[in-house]
Amino acid sequence: MSRRSLIAAVLITAVVTAIVSVSMTTRLAGQSTRPARTADGKPNISGVWQVNNEANWDLQPHEARAGAVTQRGIYGYAYAQVPAAPVLALGAAGIVPGSIGVVQGDGQIPYTADAAKRKADNAAHWIDRDPELKCYLPGIPRATYMPQPFQIVQSGNKIQMIYTFSNAARTIHLDTVAGPPDDTWMGHSVGRWDGDTLVVDVTHFNDKTWLDRAGNFHSDALHVTERFTPVSSDALRYEATIEDPKVFTRPWTIAMPVYRRLEPNIQLLDYPCIDFTEEFMYGHLRKQQLVKHWESDTMAVDITRKVPPGEQLFDWYGK
């Protein structure tokens, strides 16, 4: 075979190989991105899902921080803050991880001037105010990006979402139903299919949930529009547009992927945070303080409980 013929044969082989490779890749990609379907042709999103991001710490972009509660270090700069006493003993486990954020656009939440001050005050009083620490219901959209898994059970006219945290749950109504008699922690969810995207309007919220651990909050005028779009058989794109004229100057949107848990025996396990937070929430009501001293090989921590005004129940019951 001449040198010219050899070169031509090599080139033809390379081209054929490339075409076959592209064809196989496209075919495999098509198979992997094709969501399973229900009997009525809708995407089947039933299963156990979980996010893999830092949104529950802070929806906005942020650097890593020394702790969820910090205090002034040697220098007065924000980046030189050190962990405050409540989280000092946690070491690296108490560090707040950095994040590129999930707020679309410029990454900022458009607070009104007064609401921005309240958000900053919330962050400064995280231990006292964050509903998550008390195991209260997380609300929407926060329930989606809590660090625990949640389950979707899909039927023709209802979709049930069950969350590990606080045993929370909600029903997404695909049919016509009456609204709730009062505002609720998890809101009232009404859904519809827009092609392969599940669109959910959530209203009738109270004002008691937060959007993350950074103090981002809302009022009872909150309206959330969620979009669940399958991007493969094992991943959804989750978007939530947040409107609240009492707190924000305009609507804004968060977005993130949500992943299917693929363990063959995956299931939601009991997470009894309600039981485990009793001492945190009500320990100050004991006549004799129970948790007051902790000591390790490197430090000792003493705790003095404070009774907020109006919660001196042991005095009332003792009369």
C-alpha atoms as a PDB file:
ATOM      1  CA  MET A   1       0.000   0.000   0.000  1.00  0.00           C
ATOM      2  CA  SER A   2       1.368   3.436  -0.953  1.00  0.00           C
ATOM      3  CA  ARG A   3       1.943   6.108   1.666  1.00  0.00           C
ATOM      4  CA  ARG A   4      -0.885   8.188   0.137  1.00  0.00           C
ATOM      5  CA  SER A   5      -3.322   5.275   0.326  1.00  0.00           C
ATOM      6  CA  LEU A   6      -2.312   4.578   3.939  1.00  0.00           C
ATOM      7  CA  ILE A   7      -2.949   8.160   4.946  1.00  0.00           C
ATOM      8  CA  ALA A   8      -6.349   8.106   3.194  1.00  0.00           C
ATOM      9  CA  ALA A   9      -7.297   4.872   4.944  1.00  0.00           C
ATOM     10  CA  VAL A  10      -6.327   6.311   8.342  1.00  0.00           C
ATOM     11  CA  LEU A  11      -8.363   9.453   7.709  1.00  0.00           C
ATOM     12  CA  ILE A  12     -11.429   7.471   6.588  1.00  0.00           C
ATOM     13  CA  THR A  13     -11.168   5.265   9.674  1.00  0.00           C
ATOM     14  CA  ALA A  14     -10.898   8.312  11.941  1.00  0.00           C
ATOM     15  CA  VAL A  15     -13.941   9.966  10.343  1.00  0.00           C
ATOM     16  CA  VAL A  16     -16.061   6.811  10.583  1.00  0.00           C
ATOM     17  CA  THR A  17     -14.997   6.302  14.210  1.00  0.00           C
ATOM     18  CA  ALA A  18     -15.924   9.899  15.051  1.00  0.00           C
ATOM     19  CA  ILE A  19     -19.354   9.577  13.413  1.00  0.00           C
ATOM     20  CA  VAL A  20     -20.086   6.320  15.235  1.00  0.00           C
ATOM     21  CA  SER A  21     -18.868   7.810  18.512  1.00  0.00           C
ATOM     22  CA  VAL A  22     -21.048  10.901  18.140  1.00  0.00           C
ATOM     23  CA  SER A  23     -24.035   8.751  17.169  1.00  0.00           C
ATOM     24  CA  MET A  24     -23.604   6.471  20.185  1.00  0.00           C
ATOM     25  CA  THR A  25     -23.029   9.416  22.543  1.00  0.00           C
ATOM     26  CA  THR A  26     -26.162  11.153  21.261  1.00  0.00           C
ATOM     27  CA  ARG A  27     -28.199   7.988  21.590  1.00  0.00           C
ATOM     28  CA  LEU A  28     -26.963   7.322  25.122  1.00  0.00           C
ATOM     29  CA  ALA A  29     -27.508  10.929  26.105  1.00  0.00           C
ATOM     30  CA  GLY A  30     -31.043  10.749  24.750  1.00  0.00           C
ATOM     31  CA  GLN A  31     -31.703   7.649  26.791  1.00  0.00           C
ATOM     32  CA  SER A  32     -30.246   9.099  29.987  1.00  0.00           C
ATOM     33  CA  THR A  33     -32.177  12.354  29.694  1.00  0.00           C
ATOM     34  CA  ARG A  34     -35.513  10.766  28.835  1.00  0.00           C
ATOM     35  CA  PRO A  35     -37.642  10.893  32.031  1.00  0.00           C
ATOM     36  CA  ALA A  36     -39.884   7.986  32.926  1.00  0.00           C
ATOM     37  CA  ARG A  37     -43.586   8.553  32.186  1.00  0.00           C
ATOM     38  CA  THR A  38     -46.786   7.894  34.077  1.00  0.00           C
ATOM     39  CA  ALA A  39     -49.785   6.222  32.447  1.00  0.00           C
ATOM     40  CA  ASP A  40     -51.141   9.634  31.382  1.00  0.00           C
ATOM     41  CA  GLY A  41     -47.835  10.603  29.731  1.00  0.00           C
ATOM     42  CA  LYS A  42     -46.574  13.018  32.380  1.00  0.00           C
ATOM     43  CA  PRO A  43     -42.987  12.837  33.688  1.00  0.00           C
ATOM     44  CA  ASN A  44     -42.815  10.414  36.604  1.00  0.00           C
ATOM     45  CA  ILE A  45     -41.040  12.290  39.374  1.00  0.00           C
ATOM     46  CA  SER A  46     -41.933   9.895  42.187  1.00  0.00           C
ATOM     47  CA  GLY A  47     -38.939   8.976  44.314  1.00  0.00           C
ATOM     48  CA  VAL A  48     -36.596  10.244  47.020  1.00  0.00           C
ATOM     49  CA  TRP A  49     -34.715  13.443  46.169  1.00  0.00           C
ATOM     50  CA  GLN A  50     -32.100  15.685  47.762  1.00  0.00           C
ATOM     51  CA  VAL A  51     -30.140  18.833  46.918  1.00  0.00           C
ATOM     52  CA  ASN A  52     -26.354  19.089  47.064  1.00  0.00           C
ATOM     53  CA  ASN A  53     -25.582  22.721  47.792  1.00  0.00           C
ATOM     54  CA  GLU A  54     -25.227  25.340  50.548  1.00  0.00           C
ATOM     55  CA  ALA A  55     -28.542  27.137  49.984  1.00  0.00           C
ATOM     56  CA  ASN A  56     -29.871  26.370  53.449  1.00  0.00           C
ATOM     57  CA  TRP A  57     -26.932  28.279  54.917  1.00  0.00           C
ATOM     58  CA  ASP A  58     -27.431  31.346  52.716  1.00  0.00           C
ATOM     59  CA  LEU A  59     -29.230  31.746  49.390  1.00  0.00           C
ATOM     60  CA  GLN A  60     -26.879  34.525  48.336  1.00  0.00           C
ATOM     61  CA  PRO A  61     -23.193  34.189  47.349  1.00  0.00           C
ATOM     62  CA  HIS A  62     -21.025  34.212  50.453  1.00  0.00           C
ATOM     63  CA  GLU A  63     -17.528  33.410  51.637  1.00  0.00           C
ATOM     64  CA  ALA A  64     -16.870  30.712  54.187  1.00  0.00           C
ATOM     65  CA  ARG A  65     -17.377  32.022  57.719  1.00  0.00           C
ATOM     66  CA  ALA A  66     -15.805  30.960  60.981  1.00  0.00           C
ATOM     67  CA  GLY A  67     -19.187  29.993  62.400  1.00  0.00           C
ATOM     68  CA  ALA A  68     -22.905  30.665  62.258  1.00  0.00           C
ATOM     69  CA  VAL A  69     -22.334  32.847  65.329  1.00  0.00           C
ATOM     70  CA  THR A  70     -19.147  34.891  65.471  1.00  0.00           C
ATOM     71  CA  GLN A  71     -17.608  37.653  67.525  1.00  0.00           C
ATOM     72  CA  ARG A  72     -14.807  40.155  67.173  1.00  0.00           C
ATOM     73  CA  GLY A  73     -11.328  38.687  66.952  1.00  0.00           C
ATOM     74  CA  ILE A  74      -7.998  40.449  67.462  1.00  0.00           C
ATOM     75  CA  TYR A  75      -8.857  42.850  64.662  1.00  0.00           C
ATOM     76  CA  GLY A  76     -12.184  44.552  64.031  1.00  0.00           C
ATOM     77  CA  TYR A  77     -12.619  43.390  60.443  1.00  0.00           C
ATOM     78  CA  ALA A  78     -15.499  41.153  59.383  1.00  0.00           C
ATOM     79  CA  TYR A  79     -13.125  38.591  57.855  1.00  0.00           C
ATOM     80  CA  ALA A  80     -11.233  38.369  61.153  1.00  0.00           C
ATOM     81  CA  GLN A  81     -14.260  37.328  63.214  1.00  0.00           C
ATOM     82  CA  VAL A  82     -13.832  34.208  65.351  1.00  0.00           C
ATOM     83  CA  PRO A  83     -16.414  31.602  66.443  1.00  0.00           C
ATOM     84  CA  ALA A  84     -18.523  32.754  69.371  1.00  0.00           C
ATOM     85  CA  ALA A  85     -18.878  30.604  72.485  1.00  0.00           C
ATOM     86  CA  PRO A  86     -22.023  28.652  71.390  1.00  0.00           C
ATOM     87  CA  VAL A  87     -20.209  27.139  68.374  1.00  0.00           C
ATOM     88  CA  LEU A  88     -16.563  27.319  69.432  1.00  0.00           C
ATOM     89  CA  ALA A  89     -16.421  23.701  70.603  1.00  0.00           C
ATOM     90  CA  LEU A  90     -17.664  22.445  67.227  1.00  0.00           C
ATOM     91  CA  GLY A  91     -14.380  23.290  65.517  1.00  0.00           C
ATOM     92  CA  ALA A  92     -14.427  22.758  61.751  1.00  0.00           C
ATOM     93  CA  ALA A  93     -17.893  21.160  61.964  1.00  0.00           C
ATOM     94  CA  GLY A  94     -19.309  24.567  62.904  1.00  0.00           C
ATOM     95  CA  ILE A  95     -17.809  26.473  59.965  1.00  0.00           C
ATOM     96  CA  VAL A  96     -20.242  27.964  57.442  1.00  0.00           C
ATOM     97  CA  PRO A  97     -19.222  26.738  53.955  1.00  0.00           C
ATOM     98  CA  GLY A  98     -18.907  29.280  51.176  1.00  0.00           C
ATOM     99  CA  SER A  99     -21.193  29.249  48.148  1.00  0.00           C
ATOM    100  CA  ILE A 100     -21.657  30.834  44.738  1.00  0.00           C
ATOM    101  CA  GLY A 101     -25.323  31.231  45.674  1.00  0.00           C
ATOM    102  CA  VAL A 102     -28.575  30.224  43.989  1.00  0.00           C
ATOM    103  CA  VAL A 103     -30.224  33.647  43.478  1.00  0.00           C
ATOM    104  CA  GLN A 104     -30.495  34.263  39.759  1.00  0.00           C
ATOM    105  CA  GLY A 105     -29.340  37.467  38.069  1.00  0.00           C
ATOM    106  CA  ASP A 106     -27.033  39.598  40.192  1.00  0.00           C
ATOM    107  CA  GLY A 107     -27.207  37.186  43.145  1.00  0.00           C
ATOM    108  CA  GLN A 108     -28.798  39.749  45.451  1.00  0.00           C
ATOM    109  CA  ILE A 109     -32.163  39.663  47.244  1.00  0.00           C
ATOM    110  CA  PRO A 110     -34.044  42.930  46.540  1.00  0.00           C
ATOM    111  CA  TYR A 111     -35.099  43.938  50.051  1.00  0.00           C
ATOM    112  CA  THR A 112     -36.786  47.198  50.856  1.00  0.00           C
ATOM    113  CA  ALA A 113     -34.654  49.441  53.060  1.00  0.00           C
ATOM    114  CA  ASP A 114     -36.529  48.552  56.261  1.00  0.00           C
ATOM    115  CA  ALA A 115     -36.584  44.834  55.443  1.00  0.00           C
ATOM    116  CA  ALA A 116     -32.827  44.838  54.810  1.00  0.00           C
ATOM    117  CA  LYS A 117     -32.281  46.132  58.354  1.00  0.00           C
ATOM    118  CA  ARG A 118     -34.497  43.384  59.762  1.00  0.00           C
ATOM    119  CA  LYS A 119     -32.624  40.747  57.768  1.00  0.00           C
ATOM    120  CA  ALA A 120     -29.310  41.922  59.232  1.00  0.00           C
ATOM    121  CA  ASP A 121     -30.819  41.888  62.723  1.00  0.00           C
ATOM    122  CA  ASN A 122     -32.120  38.347  62.145  1.00  0.00           C
ATOM    123  CA  ALA A 123     -28.637  37.172  61.200  1.00  0.00           C
ATOM    124  CA  ALA A 124     -27.177  38.715  64.356  1.00  0.00           C
ATOM    125  CA  HIS A 125     -29.754  36.816  66.467  1.00  0.00           C
ATOM    126  CA  TRP A 126     -29.677  33.517  64.561  1.00  0.00           C
ATOM    127  CA  ILE A 127     -29.728  31.227  67.608  1.00  0.00           C
ATOM    128  CA  ASP A 128     -32.782  32.933  69.076  1.00  0.00           C
ATOM    129  CA  ARG A 129     -34.800  33.353  65.881  1.00  0.00           C
ATOM    130  CA  ASP A 130     -34.138  30.770  63.157  1.00  0.00           C
ATOM    131  CA  PRO A 131     -37.212  28.475  63.090  1.00  0.00           C
ATOM    132  CA  GLU A 132     -35.009  25.576  61.931  1.00  0.00           C
ATOM    133  CA  LEU A 133     -33.240  25.464  65.299  1.00  0.00           C
ATOM    134  CA  LYS A 134     -36.608  24.934  66.975  1.00  0.00           C
ATOM    135  CA  CYS A 135     -37.634  22.196  64.485  1.00  0.00           C
ATOM    136  CA  TYR A 136     -40.561  24.280  63.257  1.00  0.00           C
ATOM    137  CA  LEU A 137     -41.992  23.467  59.831  1.00  0.00           C
ATOM    138  CA  PRO A 138     -39.549  24.783  57.210  1.00  0.00           C
ATOM    139  CA  GLY A 139     -41.988  26.357  54.755  1.00  0.00           C
ATOM    140  CA  ILE A 140     -41.665  26.639  50.983  1.00  0.00           C
ATOM    141  CA  PRO A 141     -39.235  26.924  49.246  1.00  0.00           C
ATOM    142  CA  ARG A 142     -36.838  26.138  52.131  1.00  0.00           C
ATOM    143  CA  ALA A 143     -38.153  22.594  52.581  1.00  0.00           C
ATOM    144  CA  THR A 144     -36.721  21.695  49.162  1.00  0.00           C
ATOM    145  CA  TYR A 145     -33.093  22.586  49.981  1.00  0.00           C
ATOM    146  CA  MET A 146     -32.913  21.445  53.572  1.00  0.00           C
ATOM    147  CA  PRO A 147     -29.918  19.096  54.019  1.00  0.00           C
ATOM    148  CA  GLN A 148     -32.184  16.055  54.456  1.00  0.00           C
ATOM    149  CA  PRO A 149     -33.935  14.084  51.661  1.00  0.00           C
ATOM    150  CA  PHE A 150     -37.600  14.384  50.730  1.00  0.00           C
ATOM    151  CA  GLN A 151     -39.974  12.061  48.890  1.00  0.00           C
ATOM    152  CA  ILE A 152     -42.399  12.712  46.031  1.00  0.00           C
ATOM    153  CA  VAL A 153     -45.426  10.461  45.574  1.00  0.00           C
ATOM    154  CA  GLN A 154     -47.260  11.231  42.333  1.00  0.00           C
ATOM    155  CA  SER A 155     -50.796  10.363  41.282  1.00  0.00           C
ATOM    156  CA  GLY A 156     -53.170  11.671  38.661  1.00  0.00           C
ATOM    157  CA  ASN A 157     -54.625  14.680  40.483  1.00  0.00           C
ATOM    158  CA  LYS A 158     -52.458  14.964  43.617  1.00  0.00           C
ATOM    159  CA  ILE A 159     -48.737  15.028  44.310  1.00  0.00           C
ATOM    160  CA  GLN A 160     -47.609  14.445  47.887  1.00  0.00           C
ATOM    161  CA  MET A 161     -44.252  15.726  49.104  1.00  0.00           C
ATOM    162  CA  ILE A 162     -42.950  14.343  52.399  1.00  0.00           C
ATOM    163  CA  TYR A 163     -39.935  15.955  54.033  1.00  0.00           C
ATOM    164  CA  THR A 164     -37.551  14.394  56.539  1.00  0.00           C
ATOM    165  CA  PHE A 165     -37.139  17.611  58.508  1.00  0.00           C
ATOM    166  CA  SER A 166     -39.804  18.139  61.168  1.00  0.00           C
ATOM    167  CA  ASN A 167     -42.030  15.461  59.577  1.00  0.00           C
ATOM    168  CA  ALA A 168     -43.232  18.195  57.211  1.00  0.00           C
ATOM    169  CA  ALA A 169     -45.498  17.400  54.262  1.00  0.00           C
ATOM    170  CA  ARG A 170     -47.685  19.092  51.696  1.00  0.00           C
ATOM    171  CA  THR A 171     -50.168  18.130  49.008  1.00  0.00           C
ATOM    172  CA  ILE A 172     -49.920  19.719  45.563  1.00  0.00           C
ATOM    173  CA  HIS A 173     -53.452  19.838  44.169  1.00  0.00           C
ATOM    174  CA  LEU A 174     -53.710  19.340  40.401  1.00  0.00           C
ATOM    175  CA  ASP A 175     -57.478  19.690  40.622  1.00  0.00           C
ATOM    176  CA  THR A 176     -59.754  22.424  41.956  1.00  0.00           C
ATOM    177  CA  VAL A 177     -59.906  22.637  45.753  1.00  0.00           C
ATOM    178  CA  ALA A 178     -60.888  25.254  48.309  1.00  0.00           C
ATOM    179  CA  GLY A 179     -58.141  27.197  50.023  1.00  0.00           C
ATOM    180  CA  PRO A 180     -57.250  26.661  53.695  1.00  0.00           C
ATOM    181  CA  PRO A 181     -59.259  28.423  56.405  1.00  0.00           C
ATOM    182  CA  ASP A 182     -56.127  30.168  57.708  1.00  0.00           C
ATOM    183  CA  ASP A 183     -52.542  30.869  56.736  1.00  0.00           C
ATOM    184  CA  THR A 184     -50.131  27.985  57.275  1.00  0.00           C
ATOM    185  CA  TRP A 185     -46.429  27.200  57.686  1.00  0.00           C
ATOM    186  CA  MET A 186     -46.197  25.186  54.440  1.00  0.00           C
ATOM    187  CA  GLY A 187     -48.655  27.236  52.391  1.00  0.00           C
ATOM    188  CA  HIS A 188     -51.346  26.026  49.998  1.00  0.00           C
ATOM    189  CA  SER A 189     -50.007  24.383  46.815  1.00  0.00           C
ATOM    190  CA  VAL A 190     -51.920  24.268  43.524  1.00  0.00           C
ATOM    191  CA  GLY A 191     -50.123  22.705  40.556  1.00  0.00           C
ATOM    192  CA  ARG A 192     -50.419  22.225  36.798  1.00  0.00           C
ATOM    193  CA  TRP A 193     -48.298  20.689  34.055  1.00  0.00           C
ATOM    194  CA  ASP A 194     -46.685  23.019  31.496  1.00  0.00           C
ATOM    195  CA  GLY A 195     -45.314  20.457  29.069  1.00  0.00           C
ATOM    196  CA  ASP A 196     -42.847  18.425  31.121  1.00  0.00           C
ATOM    197  CA  THR A 197     -42.589  21.071  33.851  1.00  0.00           C
ATOM    198  CA  LEU A 198     -44.637  20.881  37.039  1.00  0.00           C
ATOM    199  CA  VAL A 199     -45.626  24.453  37.946  1.00  0.00           C
ATOM    200  CA  VAL A 200     -46.839  25.028  41.515  1.00  0.00           C
ATOM    201  CA  ASP A 201     -48.397  28.208  42.935  1.00  0.00           C
ATOM    202  CA  VAL A 202     -47.990  28.358  46.717  1.00  0.00           C
ATOM    203  CA  THR A 203     -49.906  30.927  48.781  1.00  0.00           C
ATOM    204  CA  HIS A 204     -51.588  31.320  52.202  1.00  0.00           C
ATOM    205  CA  PHE A 205     -48.358  31.490  54.222  1.00  0.00           C
ATOM    206  CA  ASN A 206     -47.907  32.781  57.718  1.00  0.00           C
ATOM    207  CA  ASP A 207     -44.855  34.967  58.357  1.00  0.00           C
ATOM    208  CA  LYS A 208     -43.022  32.622  60.717  1.00  0.00           C
ATOM    209  CA  THR A 209     -40.591  30.756  58.427  1.00  0.00           C
ATOM    210  CA  TRP A 210     -37.184  31.822  57.175  1.00  0.00           C
ATOM    211  CA  LEU A 211     -35.681  31.192  53.758  1.00  0.00           C
ATOM    212  CA  ASP A 212     -32.272  30.108  55.113  1.00  0.00           C
ATOM    213  CA  ARG A 213     -29.961  30.313  58.130  1.00  0.00           C
ATOM    214  CA  ALA A 214     -28.710  33.765  57.125  1.00  0.00           C
ATOM    215  CA  GLY A 215     -31.852  35.532  58.340  1.00  0.00           C
ATOM    216  CA  ASN A 216     -33.558  35.936  54.953  1.00  0.00           C
ATOM    217  CA  PHE A 217     -37.286  36.175  55.668  1.00  0.00           C
ATOM    218  CA  HIS A 218     -40.716  36.987  54.241  1.00  0.00           C
ATOM    219  CA  SER A 219     -44.132  38.235  55.340  1.00  0.00           C
ATOM    220  CA  ASP A 220     -47.603  36.706  55.152  1.00  0.00           C
ATOM    221  CA  ALA A 221     -47.904  38.192  51.652  1.00  0.00           C
ATOM    222  CA  LEU A 222     -45.452  35.629  50.263  1.00  0.00           C
ATOM    223  CA  HIS A 223     -46.304  34.022  46.910  1.00  0.00           C
ATOM    224  CA  VAL A 224     -43.977  31.321  45.574  1.00  0.00           C
ATOM    225  CA  THR A 225     -44.127  29.962  42.032  1.00  0.00           C
ATOM    226  CA  GLU A 226     -42.186  26.705  41.755  1.00  0.00           C
ATOM    227  CA  ARG A 227     -41.070  24.888  38.615  1.00  0.00           C
ATOM    228  CA  PHE A 228     -39.897  21.257  38.688  1.00  0.00           C
ATOM    229  CA  THR A 229     -38.378  20.308  35.316  1.00  0.00           C
ATOM    230  CA  PRO A 230     -36.797  16.887  34.654  1.00  0.00           C
ATOM    231  CA  VAL A 231     -33.342  17.262  33.081  1.00  0.00           C
ATOM    232  CA  SER A 232     -32.647  13.527  33.207  1.00  0.00           C
ATOM    233  CA  SER A 233     -34.253  10.476  34.764  1.00  0.00           C
ATOM    234  CA  ASP A 234     -32.368  11.229  37.987  1.00  0.00           C
ATOM    235  CA  ALA A 235     -32.246  15.031  38.189  1.00  0.00           C
ATOM    236  CA  LEU A 236     -34.715  17.907  38.313  1.00  0.00           C
ATOM    237  CA  ARG A 237     -34.144  21.612  37.795  1.00  0.00           C
ATOM    238  CA  TYR A 238     -35.905  23.406  40.621  1.00  0.00           C
ATOM    239  CA  GLU A 239     -36.830  27.070  40.308  1.00  0.00           C
ATOM    240  CA  ALA A 240     -38.780  29.199  42.753  1.00  0.00           C
ATOM    241  CA  THR A 241     -39.858  32.758  42.012  1.00  0.00           C
ATOM    242  CA  ILE A 242     -40.536  34.690  45.199  1.00  0.00           C
ATOM    243  CA  GLU A 243     -42.921  37.632  45.420  1.00  0.00           C
ATOM    244  CA  ASP A 244     -43.686  39.591  48.580  1.00  0.00           C
ATOM    245  CA  PRO A 245     -44.436  43.327  48.193  1.00  0.00           C
ATOM    246  CA  LYS A 246     -44.199  43.865  51.964  1.00  0.00           C
ATOM    247  CA  VAL A 247     -40.534  42.776  51.999  1.00  0.00           C
ATOM    248  CA  PHE A 248     -39.070  42.860  48.474  1.00  0.00           C
ATOM    249  CA  THR A 249     -39.000  45.574  45.805  1.00  0.00           C
ATOM    250  CA  ARG A 250     -39.550  43.071  42.964  1.00  0.00           C
ATOM    251  CA  PRO A 251     -39.927  39.323  42.348  1.00  0.00           C
ATOM    252  CA  TRP A 252     -36.723  37.277  42.355  1.00  0.00           C
ATOM    253  CA  THR A 253     -35.825  33.697  41.531  1.00  0.00           C
ATOM    254  CA  ILE A 254     -33.653  30.920  42.928  1.00  0.00           C
ATOM    255  CA  ALA A 255     -32.639  27.842  40.916  1.00  0.00           C
ATOM    256  CA  MET A 256     -30.765  24.610  41.629  1.00  0.00           C
ATOM    257  CA  PRO A 257     -30.610  20.953  40.621  1.00  0.00           C
ATOM    258  CA  VAL A 258     -32.267  18.316  42.792  1.00  0.00           C
ATOM    259  CA  TYR A 259     -30.937  14.763  42.568  1.00  0.00           C
ATOM    260  CA  ARG A 260     -32.621  11.402  42.902  1.00  0.00           C
ATOM    261  CA  ARG A 261     -31.226   9.175  45.668  1.00  0.00           C
ATOM    262  CA  LEU A 262     -30.198   6.002  43.874  1.00  0.00           C
ATOM    263  CA  GLU A 263     -29.648   3.589  46.749  1.00  0.00           C
ATOM    264  CA  PRO A 264     -31.814   0.514  46.035  1.00  0.00           C
ATOM    265  CA  ASN A 265     -33.199   0.529  49.596  1.00  0.00           C
ATOM    266  CA  ILE A 266     -33.540   4.305  50.013  1.00  0.00           C
ATOM    267  CA  GLN A 267     -36.319   5.493  52.309  1.00  0.00           C
ATOM    268  CA  LEU A 268     -37.018   8.398  54.627  1.00  0.00           C
ATOM    269  CA  LEU A 269     -35.920   7.650  58.171  1.00  0.00           C
ATOM    270  CA  ASP A 270     -37.313   9.146  61.333  1.00  0.00           C
ATOM    271  CA  TYR A 271     -35.646  12.435  62.256  1.00  0.00           C
ATOM    272  CA  PRO A 272     -37.027  13.306  65.709  1.00  0.00           C
ATOM    273  CA  CYS A 273     -35.791  16.880  65.893  1.00  0.00           C
ATOM    274  CA  ILE A 274     -38.974  17.863  67.727  1.00  0.00           C
ATOM    275  CA  ASP A 275     -37.986  15.597  70.630  1.00  0.00           C
ATOM    276  CA  PHE A 276     -34.325  16.550  70.495  1.00  0.00           C
ATOM    277  CA  THR A 277     -34.953  20.324  70.697  1.00  0.00           C
ATOM    278  CA  GLU A 278     -37.079  20.242  73.846  1.00  0.00           C
ATOM    279  CA  GLU A 279     -34.188  21.192  76.119  1.00  0.00           C
ATOM    280  CA  PHE A 280     -33.012  23.884  73.697  1.00  0.00           C
ATOM    281  CA  MET A 281     -36.460  25.466  73.556  1.00  0.00           C
ATOM    282  CA  TYR A 282     -37.840  24.877  77.038  1.00  0.00           C
ATOM    283  CA  GLY A 283     -34.853  24.230  79.279  1.00  0.00           C
ATOM    284  CA  HIS A 284     -35.140  27.745  80.645  1.00  0.00           C
ATOM    285  CA  LEU A 285     -38.548  26.813  82.087  1.00  0.00           C
ATOM    286  CA  ARG A 286     -37.121  24.223  84.482  1.00  0.00           C
ATOM    287  CA  LYS A 287     -37.080  25.220  88.120  1.00  0.00           C
ATOM    288  CA  GLN A 288     -33.711  23.468  88.419  1.00  0.00           C
ATOM    289  CA  GLN A 289     -31.500  23.938  85.354  1.00  0.00           C
ATOM    290  CA  LEU A 290     -30.578  20.583  83.792  1.00  0.00           C
ATOM    291  CA  VAL A 291     -27.883  21.397  81.205  1.00  0.00           C
ATOM    292  CA  LYS A 292     -25.470  23.871  82.730  1.00  0.00           C
ATOM    293  CA  HIS A 293     -21.902  22.597  82.340  1.00  0.00           C
ATOM    294  CA  TRP A 294     -19.916  20.758  79.672  1.00  0.00           C
ATOM    295  CA  GLU A 295     -16.255  19.909  79.787  1.00  0.00           C
ATOM    296  CA  SER A 296     -13.851  18.303  77.314  1.00  0.00           C
ATOM    297  CA  ASP A 297     -10.093  17.785  77.347  1.00  0.00           C
ATOM    298  CA  THR A 298      -9.523  21.280  75.992  1.00  0.00           C
ATOM    299  CA  MET A 299     -12.295  23.522  77.318  1.00  0.00           C
ATOM    300  CA  ALA A 300     -15.139  23.906  79.760  1.00  0.00           C
ATOM    301  CA  VAL A 301     -18.401  25.647  78.902  1.00  0.00           C
ATOM    302  CA  ASP A 302     -20.858  26.980  81.481  1.00  0.00           C
ATOM    303  CA  ILE A 303     -24.423  27.811  80.464  1.00  0.00           C
ATOM    304  CA  THR A 304     -26.740  30.204  82.228  1.00  0.00           C
ATOM    305  CA  ARG A 305     -30.307  30.055  80.908  1.00  0.00           C
ATOM    306  CA  LYS A 306     -32.305  33.244  80.499  1.00  0.00           C
ATOM    307  CA  VAL A 307     -36.077  33.383  80.823  1.00  0.00           C
ATOM    308  CA  PRO A 308     -37.602  35.659  78.163  1.00  0.00           C
ATOM    309  CA  PRO A 309     -40.338  38.000  79.408  1.00  0.00           C
ATOM    310  CA  GLY A 310     -43.704  36.277  79.575  1.00  0.00           C
ATOM    311  CA  GLU A 311     -42.271  32.734  79.763  1.00  0.00           C
ATOM    312  CA  GLN A 312     -41.823  32.376  83.514  1.00  0.00           C
ATOM    313  CA  LEU A 313     -44.144  29.377  83.544  1.00  0.00           C
ATOM    314  CA  PHE A 314     -42.535  27.647  86.513  1.00  0.00           C
ATOM    315  CA  ASP A 315     -43.505  30.661  88.648  1.00  0.00           C
ATOM    316  CA  TRP A 316     -47.092  30.524  87.376  1.00  0.00           C
ATOM    317  CA  TYR A 317     -47.489  26.787  87.998  1.00  0.00           C
ATOM    318  CA  GLY A 318     -45.842  27.108  91.408  1.00  0.00           C
ATOM    319  CA  LYS A 319     -48.513  29.453  92.750  1.00  0.00           C
END
